[in-house]
C-alpha atoms as a PDB file:
ATOM      1  CA  MET A   1      -1.743  -8.500   5.193  1.00  0.00           C
ATOM      2  CA  ILE A   2      -3.357  -5.859   7.425  1.00  0.00           C
ATOM      3  CA  VAL A   3      -6.210  -8.125   8.544  1.00  0.00           C
ATOM      4  CA  ASN A   4      -3.699 -10.655   9.882  1.00  0.00           C
ATOM      5  CA  MET A   5      -1.948  -7.922  11.893  1.00  0.00           C
ATOM      6  CA  ILE A   6      -5.052  -6.546  13.613  1.00  0.00           C
ATOM      7  CA  LYS A   7      -5.363  -7.462  17.294  1.00  0.00           C
ATOM      8  CA  LYS A   8      -7.852  -6.210  19.850  1.00  0.00           C
ATOM      9  CA  ASN A   9      -5.195  -4.703  22.135  1.00  0.00           C
ATOM     10  CA  ARG A  10      -3.758  -2.805  19.154  1.00  0.00           C
ATOM     11  CA  ILE A  11      -6.959  -0.921  18.361  1.00  0.00           C
ATOM     12  CA  LEU A  12      -8.341   2.204  20.047  1.00  0.00           C
ATOM     13  CA  ILE A  13     -11.843   3.423  19.220  1.00  0.00           C
ATOM     14  CA  ASN A  14     -12.887   6.959  20.137  1.00  0.00           C
ATOM     15  CA  PRO A  15     -10.137   7.503  22.759  1.00  0.00           C
ATOM     16  CA  ASP A  16     -10.383  10.571  25.008  1.00  0.00           C
ATOM     17  CA  ILE A  17      -6.639  11.264  24.964  1.00  0.00           C
ATOM     18  CA  ASP A  18      -4.349  13.212  22.651  1.00  0.00           C
ATOM     19  CA  PHE A  19      -2.012  11.948  19.935  1.00  0.00           C
ATOM     20  CA  TYR A  20       1.113  11.559  22.066  1.00  0.00           C
ATOM     21  CA  SER A  21      -0.757   9.778  24.859  1.00  0.00           C
ATOM     22  CA  ILE A  22      -2.034   7.320  22.257  1.00  0.00           C
ATOM     23  CA  ILE A  23       1.508   6.711  20.975  1.00  0.00           C
ATOM     24  CA  LYS A  24       2.700   6.101  24.541  1.00  0.00           C
ATOM     25  CA  LYS A  25      -0.201   3.687  25.122  1.00  0.00           C
ATOM     26  CA  PHE A  26       0.615   1.777  21.945  1.00  0.00           C
ATOM     27  CA  LEU A  27       4.293   1.579  22.913  1.00  0.00           C
ATOM     28  CA  THR A  28       3.300   0.199  26.324  1.00  0.00           C
ATOM     29  CA  GLU A  29       1.262  -2.518  24.602  1.00  0.00           C
ATOM     30  CA  SER A  30       4.186  -3.248  22.326  1.00  0.00           C
ATOM     31  CA  TYR A  31       6.563  -3.511  25.269  1.00  0.00           C
ATOM     32  CA  ASN A  32       4.150  -5.883  27.038  1.00  0.00           C
ATOM     33  CA  GLU A  33       4.148  -8.021  23.885  1.00  0.00           C
ATOM     34  CA  ASN A  34       7.980  -7.964  23.894  1.00  0.00           C
ATOM     35  CA  THR A  35       8.107  -6.382  20.424  1.00  0.00           C
ATOM     36  CA  ILE A  36      10.177  -3.351  21.529  1.00  0.00           C
ATOM     37  CA  THR A  37      13.130  -3.177  23.904  1.00  0.00           C
ATOM     38  CA  ASP A  38      12.299  -0.015  25.867  1.00  0.00           C
ATOM     39  CA  ILE A  39       9.312   2.375  25.916  1.00  0.00           C
ATOM     40  CA  GLU A  40      11.180   5.632  26.580  1.00  0.00           C
ATOM     41  CA  ILE A  41      13.989   4.967  24.115  1.00  0.00           C
ATOM     42  CA  VAL A  42      11.553   4.116  21.320  1.00  0.00           C
ATOM     43  CA  PHE A  43       9.333   7.090  22.179  1.00  0.00           C
ATOM     44  CA  ASN A  44      12.322   9.463  21.994  1.00  0.00           C
ATOM     45  CA  ASP A  45      13.345   7.863  18.691  1.00  0.00           C
ATOM     46  CA  PHE A  46       9.814   8.469  17.483  1.00  0.00           C
ATOM     47  CA  LEU A  47       9.895  12.160  18.444  1.00  0.00           C
ATOM     48  CA  LYS A  48      13.151  12.538  16.528  1.00  0.00           C
ATOM     49  CA  ARG A  49      11.595  10.874  13.476  1.00  0.00           C
ATOM     50  CA  GLU A  50       8.526  13.124  13.769  1.00  0.00           C
ATOM     51  CA  SER A  51      10.730  16.236  13.684  1.00  0.00           C
ATOM     52  CA  GLU A  52      11.971  15.194  10.217  1.00  0.00           C
ATOM     53  CA  GLY A  53       8.595  15.547   8.477  1.00  0.00           C
ATOM     54  CA  SER A  54       4.818  15.345   8.648  1.00  0.00           C
ATOM     55  CA  PHE A  55       2.991  12.035   9.106  1.00  0.00           C
ATOM     56  CA  GLU A  56      -0.237  13.403   7.602  1.00  0.00           C
ATOM     57  CA  LEU A  57      -0.799  11.496   4.355  1.00  0.00           C
ATOM     58  CA  LEU A  58      -4.349  12.758   3.777  1.00  0.00           C
ATOM     59  CA  PRO A  59      -6.448  15.311   5.673  1.00  0.00           C
ATOM     60  CA  HIS A  60      -7.299  13.913   9.133  1.00  0.00           C
ATOM     61  CA  ILE A  61      -5.323  10.687   8.471  1.00  0.00           C
ATOM     62  CA  VAL A  62      -1.792  10.167   9.778  1.00  0.00           C
ATOM     63  CA  ILE A  63       0.657   7.281   9.494  1.00  0.00           C
ATOM     64  CA  PRO A  64       3.243   7.847  12.244  1.00  0.00           C
ATOM     65  CA  HIS A  65       6.030   5.309  11.864  1.00  0.00           C
ATOM     66  CA  LEU A  66       9.457   4.464  13.160  1.00  0.00           C
ATOM     67  CA  ARG A  67      12.217   2.165  11.964  1.00  0.00           C
ATOM     68  CA  SER A  68      14.656   1.238  14.712  1.00  0.00           C
ATOM     69  CA  LYS A  69      17.006  -1.424  16.040  1.00  0.00           C
ATOM     70  CA  ASN A  70      14.973  -1.215  19.275  1.00  0.00           C
ATOM     71  CA  ILE A  71      11.926  -2.672  17.512  1.00  0.00           C
ATOM     72  CA  LYS A  72      11.739  -6.461  17.267  1.00  0.00           C
ATOM     73  CA  GLU A  73       8.625  -7.056  15.162  1.00  0.00           C
ATOM     74  CA  LEU A  74       6.667  -5.264  12.433  1.00  0.00           C
ATOM     75  CA  THR A  75       3.604  -4.029  14.309  1.00  0.00           C
ATOM     76  CA  LEU A  76       0.500  -2.059  13.369  1.00  0.00           C
ATOM     77  CA  PHE A  77      -1.646  -0.066  15.797  1.00  0.00           C
ATOM     78  CA  ILE A  78      -4.830   1.766  14.788  1.00  0.00           C
ATOM     79  CA  ALA A  79      -6.790   4.525  16.509  1.00  0.00           C
ATOM     80  CA  VAL A  80     -10.052   5.916  15.119  1.00  0.00           C
ATOM     81  CA  SER A  81     -12.136   8.783  16.405  1.00  0.00           C
ATOM     82  CA  LYS A  82     -15.387  10.273  15.161  1.00  0.00           C
ATOM     83  CA  LYS A  83     -14.839  13.636  16.876  1.00  0.00           C
ATOM     84  CA  GLY A  84     -11.108  13.798  16.198  1.00  0.00           C
ATOM     85  CA  ILE A  85      -7.884  13.268  18.145  1.00  0.00           C
ATOM     86  CA  PRO A  86      -5.938  16.434  19.075  1.00  0.00           C
ATOM     87  CA  TYR A  87      -2.602  16.568  17.222  1.00  0.00           C
ATOM     88  CA  LYS A  88      -0.612  19.774  16.894  1.00  0.00           C
ATOM     89  CA  ASN A  89       1.113  18.748  13.650  1.00  0.00           C
ATOM     90  CA  ALA A  90      -2.126  18.053  11.766  1.00  0.00           C
ATOM     91  CA  LYS A  91      -3.226  20.875   9.494  1.00  0.00           C
ATOM     92  CA  SER A  92      -6.632  21.046  11.190  1.00  0.00           C
ATOM     93  CA  GLY A  93      -5.271  20.347  14.668  1.00  0.00           C
ATOM     94  CA  LYS A  94      -7.119  17.021  14.820  1.00  0.00           C
ATOM     95  CA  VAL A  95      -7.004  13.605  13.136  1.00  0.00           C
ATOM     96  CA  ASN A  96      -9.657  10.918  12.782  1.00  0.00           C
ATOM     97  CA  ILE A  97      -7.455   7.946  11.942  1.00  0.00           C
ATOM     98  CA  ILE A  98      -3.995   6.985  13.186  1.00  0.00           C
ATOM     99  CA  PHE A  99      -2.026   4.095  11.691  1.00  0.00           C
ATOM    100  CA  PHE A 100       1.022   3.664  13.937  1.00  0.00           C
ATOM    101  CA  VAL A 101       3.667   1.402  12.383  1.00  0.00           C
ATOM    102  CA  LEU A 102       6.714   0.044  14.217  1.00  0.00           C
ATOM    103  CA  ILE A 103       9.390  -1.325  11.881  1.00  0.00           C
ATOM    104  CA  PRO A 104      12.412  -3.465  12.814  1.00  0.00           C
ATOM    105  CA  ASP A 105      15.698  -2.256  11.344  1.00  0.00           C
ATOM    106  CA  GLU A 106      16.123  -5.170   8.915  1.00  0.00           C
ATOM    107  CA  ASP A 107      12.454  -5.592   7.950  1.00  0.00           C
ATOM    108  CA  THR A 108      11.304  -5.234   4.319  1.00  0.00           C
ATOM    109  CA  ASN A 109       7.644  -6.271   4.652  1.00  0.00           C
ATOM    110  CA  TYR A 110       6.775  -2.762   5.836  1.00  0.00           C
ATOM    111  CA  ILE A 111       6.762  -1.675   2.173  1.00  0.00           C
ATOM    112  CA  LYS A 112       3.761  -3.925   1.491  1.00  0.00           C
ATOM    113  CA  LEU A 113       2.053  -2.760   4.688  1.00  0.00           C
ATOM    114  CA  LEU A 114       2.407   0.954   3.945  1.00  0.00           C
ATOM    115  CA  ALA A 115       1.351   0.456   0.321  1.00  0.00           C
ATOM    116  CA  SER A 116      -1.725  -1.447   1.502  1.00  0.00           C
ATOM    117  CA  ILE A 117      -2.642   1.306   3.986  1.00  0.00           C
ATOM    118  CA  SER A 118      -2.228   3.876   1.230  1.00  0.00           C
ATOM    119  CA  ARG A 119      -4.660   2.015  -1.026  1.00  0.00           C
ATOM    120  CA  PHE A 120      -7.242   1.592   1.744  1.00  0.00           C
ATOM    121  CA  ILE A 121      -7.343   5.253   2.742  1.00  0.00           C
ATOM    122  CA  LYS A 122      -7.812   6.432  -0.836  1.00  0.00           C
ATOM    123  CA  ASN A 123     -11.216   4.734  -0.742  1.00  0.00           C
ATOM    124  CA  GLU A 124     -13.641   7.295   0.744  1.00  0.00           C
ATOM    125  CA  SER A 125     -16.203   4.626   1.660  1.00  0.00           C
ATOM    126  CA  PHE A 126     -13.586   2.671   3.600  1.00  0.00           C
ATOM    127  CA  VAL A 127     -12.462   5.794   5.480  1.00  0.00           C
ATOM    128  CA  LYS A 128     -16.044   6.709   6.435  1.00  0.00           C
ATOM    129  CA  GLU A 129     -16.865   3.202   7.674  1.00  0.00           C
ATOM    130  CA  LEU A 130     -13.632   2.973   9.669  1.00  0.00           C
ATOM    131  CA  ILE A 131     -14.270   6.336  11.367  1.00  0.00           C
ATOM    132  CA  ASP A 132     -17.837   5.206  12.161  1.00  0.00           C
ATOM    133  CA  ALA A 133     -16.594   1.994  13.844  1.00  0.00           C
ATOM    134  CA  LYS A 134     -17.870   1.507  17.382  1.00  0.00           C
ATOM    135  CA  LEU A 135     -16.433  -1.916  18.174  1.00  0.00           C
ATOM    136  CA  PHE A 136     -13.269  -3.895  17.418  1.00  0.00           C
ATOM    137  CA  ASP A 137     -15.317  -6.233  15.218  1.00  0.00           C
ATOM    138  CA  ASP A 138     -16.439  -3.217  13.157  1.00  0.00           C
ATOM    139  CA  VAL A 139     -12.807  -2.404  12.395  1.00  0.00           C
ATOM    140  CA  VAL A 140     -12.001  -5.980  11.371  1.00  0.00           C
ATOM    141  CA  TYR A 141     -15.149  -6.199   9.232  1.00  0.00           C
ATOM    142  CA  THR A 142     -14.312  -2.930   7.437  1.00  0.00           C
ATOM    143  CA  PHE A 143     -10.813  -4.097   6.540  1.00  0.00           C
ATOM    144  CA  LYS A 144     -12.066  -7.489   5.380  1.00  0.00           C
ATOM    145  CA  LYS A 145     -14.792  -5.851   3.317  1.00  0.00           C
ATOM    146  CA  TYR A 146     -12.304  -3.778   1.352  1.00  0.00           C
ATOM    147  CA  SER A 147      -9.481  -6.329   1.209  1.00  0.00           C
ATOM    148  CA  LEU A 148      -8.553  -8.198  -1.959  1.00  0.00           C
ATOM    149  CA  ASP A 149     -10.631 -11.355  -2.310  1.00  0.00           C
ATOM    150  CA  ILE A 150      -7.909 -12.880  -4.472  1.00  0.00           C
ATOM    151  CA  ILE A 151      -5.342 -12.924  -1.670  1.00  0.00           C
ATOM    152  CA  LYS A 152      -4.867 -16.414  -0.264  1.00  0.00           C
ATOM    153  CA  LYS A 153      -2.495 -17.828   2.328  1.00  0.00           C
ATOM    154  CA  GLU A 154       0.947 -16.415   1.671  1.00  0.00           C
ATOM    155  CA  LYS A 155       3.273 -18.766  -0.145  1.00  0.00           C
ATOM    156  CA  LYS A 156       6.951 -17.914  -0.227  1.00  0.00           C
ATOM    157  CA  GLY A 157       9.578 -19.763  -2.198  1.00  0.00           C
ATOM    158  CA  VAL A 158      12.802 -19.347  -4.080  1.00  0.00           C
ATOM    159  CA  GLU A 159      11.005 -18.842  -7.383  1.00  0.00           C
ATOM    160  CA  LYS A 160      11.066 -15.390  -8.924  1.00  0.00           C
ATOM    161  CA  TYR A 161       8.557 -13.985 -11.392  1.00  0.00           C
ATOM    162  CA  LEU A 162       8.722 -11.131 -13.875  1.00  0.00           C
ATOM    163  CA  VAL A 163       5.569  -9.003 -13.775  1.00  0.00           C
ATOM    164  CA  ILE A 164       4.655  -6.823 -16.750  1.00  0.00           C
ATOM    165  CA  LEU A 165       1.792  -4.329 -16.592  1.00  0.00           C
ATOM    166  CA  SER A 166       1.080  -2.375 -19.766  1.00  0.00           C
ATOM    167  CA  LEU A 167      -1.604   0.337 -19.726  1.00  0.00           C
ATOM    168  CA  ASN A 168      -2.901   2.314 -22.686  1.00  0.00           C
ATOM    169  CA  LYS A 169      -4.660   4.847 -20.462  1.00  0.00           C
ATOM    170  CA  ASN A 170      -3.308   7.524 -18.192  1.00  0.00           C
ATOM    171  CA  VAL A 171      -3.476   6.478 -14.537  1.00  0.00           C
ATOM    172  CA  ASP A 172      -2.392   8.337 -11.383  1.00  0.00           C
ATOM    173  CA  ASP A 173       1.426   8.115 -11.136  1.00  0.00           C
ATOM    174  CA  VAL A 174       1.217   7.143  -7.461  1.00  0.00           C
ATOM    175  CA  PHE A 175      -1.535   4.528  -7.795  1.00  0.00           C
ATOM    176  CA  ILE A 176       0.336   1.984  -9.947  1.00  0.00           C
ATOM    177  CA  PRO A 177       3.659   1.974  -8.018  1.00  0.00           C
ATOM    178  CA  THR A 178       1.670   1.690  -4.779  1.00  0.00           C
ATOM    179  CA  THR A 179      -0.312  -1.236  -6.210  1.00  0.00           C
ATOM    180  CA  LEU A 180       2.862  -3.023  -7.325  1.00  0.00           C
ATOM    181  CA  ALA A 181       4.460  -2.551  -3.910  1.00  0.00           C
ATOM    182  CA  GLU A 182       1.351  -3.817  -2.117  1.00  0.00           C
ATOM    183  CA  VAL A 183       1.298  -7.136  -4.006  1.00  0.00           C
ATOM    184  CA  GLY A 184       5.025  -7.676  -3.476  1.00  0.00           C
ATOM    185  CA  VAL A 185       6.503  -6.443  -6.764  1.00  0.00           C
ATOM    186  CA  SER A 186       9.880  -4.774  -6.287  1.00  0.00           C
ATOM    187  CA  LEU A 187      12.672  -3.351  -8.464  1.00  0.00           C
ATOM    188  CA  SER A 188       9.945  -1.781 -10.585  1.00  0.00           C
ATOM    189  CA  ILE A 189      10.755   0.184 -13.715  1.00  0.00           C
ATOM    190  CA  ALA A 190       8.303   2.357 -15.695  1.00  0.00           C
ATOM    191  CA  PHE A 191       8.552   3.016 -19.432  1.00  0.00           C
ATOM    192  CA  ASP A 192       6.699   5.693 -21.362  1.00  0.00           C
ATOM    193  CA  GLY A 193       5.882   4.449 -24.841  1.00  0.00           C
ATOM    194  CA  LYS A 194       3.476   4.343 -27.726  1.00  0.00           C
ATOM    195  CA  ASN A 195       0.681   1.870 -28.301  1.00  0.00           C
ATOM    196  CA  MET A 196       1.548  -0.244 -31.357  1.00  0.00           C
ATOM    197  CA  GLY A 197      -1.605  -2.339 -31.142  1.00  0.00           C
ATOM    198  CA  ASN A 198      -2.979  -1.299 -34.528  1.00  0.00           C
ATOM    199  CA  ILE A 199      -1.005  -2.280 -37.601  1.00  0.00           C
ATOM    200  CA  SER A 200      -1.790   1.091 -39.159  1.00  0.00           C
ATOM    201  CA  THR A 201       0.341   2.698 -36.445  1.00  0.00           C
ATOM    202  CA  PHE A 202       3.572   1.379 -37.863  1.00  0.00           C
ATOM    203  CA  LEU A 203       2.400   0.769 -41.462  1.00  0.00           C
ATOM    204  CA  PRO A 204       0.752   4.131 -42.286  1.00  0.00           C
ATOM    205  CA  PHE A 205       0.348   3.293 -45.957  1.00  0.00           C
ATOM    206  CA  LEU A 206      -2.201   0.628 -44.952  1.00  0.00           C
ATOM    207  CA  SER A 207      -4.396   3.109 -43.065  1.00  0.00           C
ATOM    208  CA  SER A 208      -6.737   3.513 -46.026  1.00  0.00           C
ATOM    209  CA  PHE A 209      -7.770  -0.139 -45.668  1.00  0.00           C
ATOM    210  CA  PHE A 210      -9.115   0.419 -42.116  1.00  0.00           C
ATOM    211  CA  ILE A 211     -12.597   1.744 -41.403  1.00  0.00           C
ATOM    212  CA  SER A 212     -11.232   3.603 -38.370  1.00  0.00           C
ATOM    213  CA  THR A 213      -7.655   4.312 -37.450  1.00  0.00           C
ATOM    214  CA  LYS A 214      -8.393   5.982 -34.107  1.00  0.00           C
ATOM    215  CA  ILE A 215      -6.274   4.418 -31.376  1.00  0.00           C
ATOM    216  CA  THR A 216      -4.991   5.387 -27.973  1.00  0.00           C
ATOM    217  CA  LYS A 217      -1.336   6.194 -28.570  1.00  0.00           C
ATOM    218  CA  TYR A 218      -0.545   6.653 -24.851  1.00  0.00           C
ATOM    219  CA  ASN A 219       1.179   3.733 -23.163  1.00  0.00           C
ATOM    220  CA  LYS A 220       3.027   3.181 -19.926  1.00  0.00           C
ATOM    221  CA  THR A 221       4.584  -0.169 -19.118  1.00  0.00           C
ATOM    222  CA  TYR A 222       5.765  -1.291 -15.695  1.00  0.00           C
ATOM    223  CA  ILE A 223       8.167  -4.185 -15.113  1.00  0.00           C
ATOM    224  CA  GLY A 224       9.103  -5.629 -11.739  1.00  0.00           C
ATOM    225  CA  ILE A 225      10.208  -8.732  -9.843  1.00  0.00           C
ATOM    226  CA  THR A 226       8.218 -10.722  -7.285  1.00  0.00           C
ATOM    227  CA  ASP A 227       8.159 -14.082  -5.532  1.00  0.00           C
ATOM    228  CA  GLU A 228       4.335 -14.010  -5.494  1.00  0.00           C
ATOM    229  CA  PRO A 229       3.010 -16.369  -8.227  1.00  0.00           C
ATOM    230  CA  GLU A 230      -0.429 -14.703  -7.996  1.00  0.00           C
ATOM    231  CA  ALA A 231       0.860 -11.136  -8.284  1.00  0.00           C
ATOM    232  CA  GLY A 232      -0.815 -10.700 -11.669  1.00  0.00           C
ATOM    233  CA  ALA A 233      -4.199 -11.783 -10.318  1.00  0.00           C
ATOM    234  CA  LYS A 234      -3.834  -9.414  -7.361  1.00  0.00           C
ATOM    235  CA  ILE A 235      -2.953  -6.484  -9.624  1.00  0.00           C
ATOM    236  CA  TYR A 236      -5.902  -7.352 -11.856  1.00  0.00           C
ATOM    237  CA  THR A 237      -8.219  -7.335  -8.814  1.00  0.00           C
ATOM    238  CA  ILE A 238      -6.992  -3.937  -7.597  1.00  0.00           C
ATOM    239  CA  LEU A 239      -7.341  -2.420 -11.068  1.00  0.00           C
ATOM    240  CA  LYS A 240     -10.830  -3.898 -11.456  1.00  0.00           C
ATOM    241  CA  ASN A 241     -11.891  -2.521  -8.064  1.00  0.00           C
ATOM    242  CA  ASN A 242     -10.716   0.901  -9.217  1.00  0.00           C
ATOM    243  CA  LYS A 243     -12.715   0.744 -12.473  1.00  0.00           C
ATOM    244  CA  ILE A 244      -9.769  -0.147 -14.694  1.00  0.00           C
ATOM    245  CA  ASP A 245     -10.875  -3.228 -16.624  1.00  0.00           C
ATOM    246  CA  ILE A 246      -7.759  -4.687 -18.196  1.00  0.00           C
ATOM    247  CA  GLU A 247      -9.899  -7.120 -20.198  1.00  0.00           C
ATOM    248  CA  LYS A 248     -11.561  -4.368 -22.194  1.00  0.00           C
ATOM    249  CA  ASN A 249     -10.185  -4.054 -25.694  1.00  0.00           C
ATOM    250  CA  GLY A 250      -7.272  -1.639 -25.877  1.00  0.00           C
ATOM    251  CA  VAL A 251      -6.844  -1.023 -22.128  1.00  0.00           C
ATOM    252  CA  GLY A 252      -3.649  -3.068 -21.735  1.00  0.00           C
ATOM    253  CA  PHE A 253      -2.430  -6.355 -20.302  1.00  0.00           C
ATOM    254  CA  ILE A 254      -0.797  -8.037 -17.296  1.00  0.00           C
ATOM    255  CA  ALA A 255       1.681 -10.901 -17.556  1.00  0.00           C
ATOM    256  CA  THR A 256       3.476 -12.969 -14.904  1.00  0.00           C
ATOM    257  CA  ILE A 257       6.452 -14.935 -16.197  1.00  0.00           C
ATOM    258  CA  LYS A 258       8.527 -17.399 -14.176  1.00  0.00           C
ATOM    259  CA  ILE A 259      12.233 -16.544 -14.182  1.00  0.00           C
ATOM    260  CA  ASN A 260      14.642 -19.448 -14.670  1.00  0.00           C
ATOM    261  CA  GLU A 261      17.725 -17.598 -13.491  1.00  0.00           C
ATOM    262  CA  TRP A 262      18.062 -14.592 -11.200  1.00  0.00           C
ATOM    263  CA  TYR A 263      21.128 -12.580 -10.195  1.00  0.00           C
ATOM    264  CA  GLY A 264      21.495  -9.382  -8.182  1.00  0.00           C
ATOM    265  CA  GLY A 265      18.898  -6.822  -7.221  1.00  0.00           C
ATOM    266  CA  TYR A 266      18.001  -5.158  -3.945  1.00  0.00           C
ATOM    267  CA  SER A 267      14.398  -4.584  -2.894  1.00  0.00           C
ATOM    268  CA  GLY A 268      15.005  -2.472   0.207  1.00  0.00           C
ATOM    269  CA  ILE A 269      13.952   1.175   0.386  1.00  0.00           C
ATOM    270  CA  ASP A 270      15.566   3.686   2.700  1.00  0.00           C
ATOM    271  CA  PHE A 271      12.778   4.772   5.010  1.00  0.00           C
END
């Protein structure tokens, strides 16, 4: 998703201006592209949003964002700096990467975008290569290098799919929901449970017949809805890239099941 949103006029590399000047520059570009209604109004809206909480997701990385009726199109701007961009609200006073996201009032695709950004910046190699970028092509190459190979041309339809991810190992509580959001799974529910994979778990009197009864009792199962038929393959790819091999015995499973009937549900998130 991010690769398709990257444009040359939306990227700044090693700018010699401060954070707010960069935001103003990005808003000017957006206005020239007719994706916002007014520069000053949107900038003032942004300052109000900034006063509500920090944009710093990780040290030296910020994701300033604004959702407004004065924004016409979901837009991503990126600024990277090796020496750092002065920003008073950063803990260190400087940031190396800015992801500036403009979100139309009725848009829901921003959830995927922010989840994707979150996954990218958790990869230290990606962050280093992006900060080291000297040209626009370097930025594009870095994103493509760390993007999911499984992702093909987006295909949207009326079909809905139930996605089930069951893991028998403890994984970061933020990582899995972020992964599900990135691949388009919404209305997600998590269940804490117990692995029943070994018959001796629920038939203790048979345990003496097994050479080893050691199993991983931990289990967490996630269920969600998507219109992406390849959501399972995308989740599998992300897990694999993060050293979680779902195909190893006892790790868990992923299933994507087509839903014949679908009623209700709301995938929006107040942001």
